[in-house]
Amino acid sequence: MKEFSALTQEKLKYYVYILKDPMDYEVFYVGKGIGNRIFSHVNDALETSVVTDKLEHIRAIHSRKDEVLYYIHRHGMTESEALLVEAALIDVFGLEDLKNEVRGHHTQFGPASAQELEIRYAAQPIVIDDPVFLGFCTRYDPELTSSEELFHDTSYCWKVVPKKHPAKYAFAVHKMIIREVYEIEEWLRDPMNHRWYFTGQVAPDDIRGKYMYKDISSYIVGTTICKKGKRTGQVIPTVNQNLKWVNC
């Protein structure tokens, strides 16, 4: 089968689909679409020379004289509903076991422990009254990142000029939440890349208690007026992750 009839397309509306390998019936791709989107990947694999993990997997299936198996997981949805279902399915199968290049939309609603969700949604806005350095840890995983890894990601290594900013503490920040507080001992320069890193230790309990799991978005999230494109003249949110120093 290579396409749906016009009547079927109309009744399907937006849908979420999976592609399976007929050799082991393993799901190798999850997607959302409308019309004949489900069939487009095989067409791309057979009619173009574009190289991706997904397309190469499809070509390997066809080289065995097999056919990709198509399944509609859920249909009759709006596009926004389909995006949510797609992201949930990718979470279930695991991105590492799929040929999808990205996890999908609405990743902030993906799998998380009850404790992590409490930290994320109960975080109160913070007022910072100490001189601090902000270390944004994009690779942080609350379930997997060790304390040693978190310190390394927070302390090393930054394109900054620390002598101009006498920070006493450093915050490990992930998704606007302070995940750990360190007391800075000294800044050192890496001779290999000439960037800076600090040595230190976890801050005293009274300092940690003041800042841990607080929301710093008021310091780095602002607004600006869009100057070009379809949103010209509109007020849009901005995130300033270039901000590294507060009160120093």
Protein backbone atom coordinates (compact mmCIF):
# COMPACT_ATOMS: atom_id res chain seq x y z
CA MET A 1 0.00 0.00 0.00
CA LYS A 2 1.37 3.40 -1.00
CA GLU A 3 -1.42 5.88 -0.30
CA PHE A 4 -4.83 6.44 1.30
CA SER A 5 -7.94 7.26 -0.69
CA ALA A 6 -9.24 10.83 -0.46
CA LEU A 7 -12.18 9.66 1.67
CA THR A 8 -9.90 7.86 4.13
CA GLN A 9 -7.63 10.88 4.41
CA GLU A 10 -10.59 13.09 5.24
CA LYS A 11 -11.78 10.79 8.01
CA LEU A 12 -8.34 10.14 9.49
CA LYS A 13 -7.65 13.86 10.11
CA TYR A 14 -4.36 14.20 12.02
CA TYR A 15 -2.87 10.92 13.14
CA VAL A 16 0.18 9.45 14.90
CA TYR A 17 1.84 6.50 13.19
CA ILE A 18 4.64 4.02 13.72
CA LEU A 19 6.88 2.26 11.22
CA LYS A 20 7.98 -1.32 11.94
CA ASP A 21 10.69 -3.56 10.56
CA PRO A 22 9.02 -6.77 9.29
CA MET A 23 12.03 -8.90 10.27
CA ASP A 24 11.58 -8.46 14.03
CA TYR A 25 8.44 -6.26 14.22
CA GLU A 26 10.44 -3.63 16.11
CA VAL A 27 9.24 -0.03 15.91
CA PHE A 28 11.96 2.13 14.36
CA TYR A 29 10.10 5.40 13.77
CA VAL A 30 7.27 7.42 15.33
CA GLY A 31 5.65 10.34 13.54
CA LYS A 32 2.56 12.48 13.22
CA GLY A 33 0.90 13.67 10.07
CA ILE A 34 -2.09 14.15 7.84
CA GLY A 35 -2.99 12.80 4.42
CA ASN A 36 -0.34 10.42 3.10
CA ARG A 37 2.44 11.53 5.43
CA ILE A 38 2.91 7.98 6.76
CA PHE A 39 4.09 6.79 3.32
CA SER A 40 6.45 9.70 2.61
CA HIS A 41 9.50 8.20 4.36
CA VAL A 42 9.62 5.15 2.13
CA ASN A 43 9.19 7.35 -0.93
CA ASP A 44 12.08 9.56 0.24
CA ALA A 45 14.28 6.52 0.86
CA LEU A 46 13.65 5.02 -2.56
CA GLU A 47 13.49 8.18 -4.65
CA THR A 48 16.24 10.36 -3.15
CA SER A 49 19.87 9.98 -2.09
CA VAL A 50 19.43 11.81 1.22
CA VAL A 51 21.23 10.01 4.05
CA THR A 52 19.63 9.72 7.51
CA ASP A 53 19.43 6.82 9.97
CA LYS A 54 15.72 6.46 9.19
CA LEU A 55 16.12 6.42 5.42
CA GLU A 56 19.08 4.05 5.57
CA HIS A 57 17.05 1.66 7.73
CA ILE A 58 14.22 1.71 5.18
CA ARG A 59 16.66 1.05 2.35
CA ALA A 60 18.08 -1.90 4.29
CA ILE A 61 14.56 -3.34 4.64
CA HIS A 62 13.94 -3.03 0.92
CA SER A 63 17.34 -4.53 0.11
CA ARG A 64 16.06 -7.69 1.85
CA LYS A 65 13.01 -7.61 -0.44
CA ASP A 66 10.81 -6.75 2.55
CA GLU A 67 8.28 -3.96 3.00
CA VAL A 68 7.98 -1.48 5.85
CA LEU A 69 4.97 -2.14 8.08
CA TYR A 70 2.68 0.88 8.60
CA TYR A 71 0.51 1.30 11.69
CA ILE A 72 -1.73 4.19 12.72
CA HIS A 73 -1.53 4.45 16.50
CA ARG A 74 -4.27 7.06 16.93
CA HIS A 75 -6.24 9.21 14.49
CA GLY A 76 -9.10 11.70 14.30
CA MET A 77 -7.10 14.35 16.15
CA THR A 78 -6.22 18.00 15.83
CA GLU A 79 -2.59 18.84 15.09
CA SER A 80 -1.92 19.93 18.68
CA GLU A 81 -3.39 16.67 20.00
CA ALA A 82 -1.26 14.67 17.56
CA LEU A 83 1.90 16.47 18.70
CA LEU A 84 1.22 15.45 22.31
CA VAL A 85 0.54 11.81 21.40
CA GLU A 86 3.66 11.69 19.20
CA ALA A 87 5.87 12.99 22.03
CA ALA A 88 4.35 10.52 24.49
CA LEU A 89 4.97 7.56 22.16
CA ILE A 90 8.58 8.61 21.59
CA ASP A 91 9.01 8.72 25.36
CA VAL A 92 7.56 5.19 25.66
CA PHE A 93 9.74 3.62 22.95
CA GLY A 94 12.81 5.68 23.87
CA LEU A 95 14.61 7.96 21.45
CA GLU A 96 17.74 5.81 21.67
CA ASP A 97 15.84 2.87 20.09
CA LEU A 98 14.25 4.90 17.29
CA LYS A 99 15.49 6.51 14.10
CA ASN A 100 13.83 9.81 15.03
CA GLU A 101 16.31 12.66 15.14
CA VAL A 102 14.51 14.63 17.86
CA ARG A 103 12.32 13.76 20.82
CA GLY A 104 9.31 15.70 19.57
CA HIS A 105 7.27 18.61 20.88
CA HIS A 106 6.18 19.33 24.47
CA THR A 107 9.23 17.61 25.97
CA GLN A 108 8.66 19.53 29.20
CA PHE A 109 5.71 17.20 29.81
CA GLY A 110 7.76 14.02 29.31
CA PRO A 111 8.74 11.38 31.88
CA ALA A 112 9.88 12.69 35.26
CA SER A 113 9.86 11.43 38.81
CA ALA A 114 7.25 12.72 41.24
CA GLN A 115 10.04 14.44 43.18
CA GLU A 116 11.33 16.22 40.06
CA LEU A 117 7.87 17.48 39.16
CA GLU A 118 7.40 18.81 42.68
CA ILE A 119 10.73 20.63 42.44
CA ARG A 120 9.89 22.03 39.01
CA TYR A 121 6.36 23.24 39.70
CA ALA A 122 6.65 24.27 43.35
CA ALA A 123 9.77 26.41 42.83
CA GLN A 124 9.35 29.91 44.22
CA PRO A 125 10.87 33.03 42.63
CA ILE A 126 14.21 33.90 44.17
CA VAL A 127 15.72 37.19 45.31
CA ILE A 128 19.49 36.93 45.05
CA ASP A 129 21.27 39.10 47.62
CA ASP A 130 24.73 37.52 47.41
CA PRO A 131 27.36 37.93 44.67
CA VAL A 132 26.90 34.82 42.50
CA PHE A 133 27.96 33.16 39.27
CA LEU A 134 25.26 31.40 37.22
CA GLY A 135 26.30 28.11 35.63
CA PHE A 136 23.68 26.79 33.21
CA CYS A 137 23.82 22.98 33.07
CA THR A 138 22.07 21.89 29.87
CA ARG A 139 23.07 18.23 30.23
CA TYR A 140 21.70 17.81 33.73
CA ASP A 141 19.40 14.83 34.34
CA PRO A 142 17.87 14.73 37.84
CA GLU A 143 17.78 10.93 37.76
CA LEU A 144 21.23 10.24 36.32
CA THR A 145 23.63 13.13 36.93
CA SER A 146 25.97 12.52 39.85
CA SER A 147 27.02 15.27 42.28
CA GLU A 148 30.52 15.15 40.79
CA GLU A 149 29.20 15.57 37.25
CA LEU A 150 26.97 18.46 38.31
CA PHE A 151 29.89 20.28 39.94
CA HIS A 152 32.04 19.74 36.84
CA ASP A 153 29.35 21.08 34.51
CA THR A 154 28.81 24.11 36.74
CA SER A 155 32.45 24.97 37.31
CA TYR A 156 34.12 24.12 33.99
CA CYS A 157 34.84 25.91 31.77
CA TRP A 158 33.66 29.38 30.89
CA LYS A 159 34.57 32.25 28.61
CA VAL A 160 34.42 34.84 31.38
CA VAL A 161 36.62 37.41 33.16
CA PRO A 162 36.29 36.39 36.81
CA LYS A 163 38.65 39.04 38.19
CA LYS A 164 36.04 41.65 37.31
CA HIS A 165 33.33 39.80 39.20
CA PRO A 166 34.09 38.82 42.83
CA ALA A 167 31.38 36.16 43.09
CA LYS A 168 31.25 34.25 46.37
CA TYR A 169 28.85 31.50 45.30
CA ALA A 170 27.95 29.65 42.12
CA PHE A 171 24.52 28.27 41.19
CA ALA A 172 24.03 25.12 39.14
CA VAL A 173 20.97 26.09 37.06
CA HIS A 174 18.80 23.78 34.99
CA LYS A 175 15.44 24.75 33.47
CA MET A 176 15.39 27.96 35.53
CA ILE A 177 15.75 26.02 38.81
CA ILE A 178 18.79 26.18 41.13
CA ARG A 179 19.93 22.56 41.51
CA GLU A 180 22.97 23.13 43.72
CA VAL A 181 24.88 25.96 45.38
CA TYR A 182 28.69 26.02 45.60
CA GLU A 183 31.10 28.19 47.51
CA ILE A 184 33.81 29.41 45.14
CA GLU A 185 37.40 29.08 46.37
CA GLU A 186 39.34 30.35 43.36
CA TRP A 187 39.21 30.73 39.60
CA LEU A 188 41.85 29.03 37.45
CA ARG A 189 42.56 29.18 33.73
CA ASP A 190 42.76 26.08 31.57
CA PRO A 191 46.00 26.36 29.55
CA MET A 192 44.52 24.28 26.73
CA ASN A 193 41.57 26.47 25.82
CA HIS A 194 42.26 29.58 27.93
CA ARG A 195 38.83 29.43 29.51
CA TRP A 196 38.14 29.71 33.23
CA TYR A 197 36.90 27.29 35.85
CA PHE A 198 36.50 27.49 39.59
CA THR A 199 37.39 25.24 42.49
CA GLY A 200 35.15 25.02 45.49
CA GLN A 201 32.72 22.97 47.51
CA VAL A 202 29.04 22.71 48.32
CA ALA A 203 27.94 25.87 50.15
CA PRO A 204 27.02 25.86 53.85
CA ASP A 205 23.54 24.63 54.75
CA ASP A 206 22.17 28.09 55.51
CA ILE A 207 23.15 29.34 52.04
CA ARG A 208 21.84 26.21 50.34
CA GLY A 209 18.58 26.50 52.25
CA LYS A 210 18.14 30.05 51.00
CA TYR A 211 18.62 29.26 47.32
CA MET A 212 18.15 25.55 46.57
CA TYR A 213 15.32 24.68 44.16
CA LYS A 214 14.32 28.29 43.70
CA ASP A 215 13.24 29.76 40.35
CA ILE A 216 15.64 32.32 38.80
CA SER A 217 13.60 33.04 35.67
CA SER A 218 12.90 36.61 36.78
CA TYR A 219 16.62 37.31 36.32
CA ILE A 220 17.06 35.82 32.85
CA VAL A 221 13.65 35.92 31.17
CA GLY A 222 12.50 39.18 29.69
CA THR A 223 10.66 40.56 26.66
CA THR A 224 11.55 42.35 23.47
CA ILE A 225 9.75 43.78 20.47
CA CYS A 226 10.04 41.56 17.39
CA LYS A 227 11.60 43.54 14.54
CA LYS A 228 11.07 41.23 11.57
CA GLY A 229 8.98 38.36 10.26
CA LYS A 230 5.32 37.59 10.85
CA ARG A 231 5.57 38.68 14.49
CA THR A 232 6.93 42.16 13.76
CA GLY A 233 5.79 44.58 16.45
CA GLN A 234 4.74 41.86 18.88
CA VAL A 235 6.13 41.56 22.39
CA ILE A 236 7.95 38.21 22.62
CA PRO A 237 9.76 36.48 25.52
CA THR A 238 13.55 36.28 25.55
CA VAL A 239 15.92 34.17 27.62
CA ASN A 240 19.32 35.65 28.44
CA GLN A 241 21.51 32.64 29.21
CA ASN A 242 24.53 34.85 28.56
CA LEU A 243 23.93 36.34 32.01
CA LYS A 244 26.63 34.92 34.25
CA TRP A 245 26.98 37.33 37.19
CA VAL A 246 24.53 38.76 39.70
CA ASN A 247 25.47 41.38 42.32
CA CYS A 248 29.10 41.46 41.29
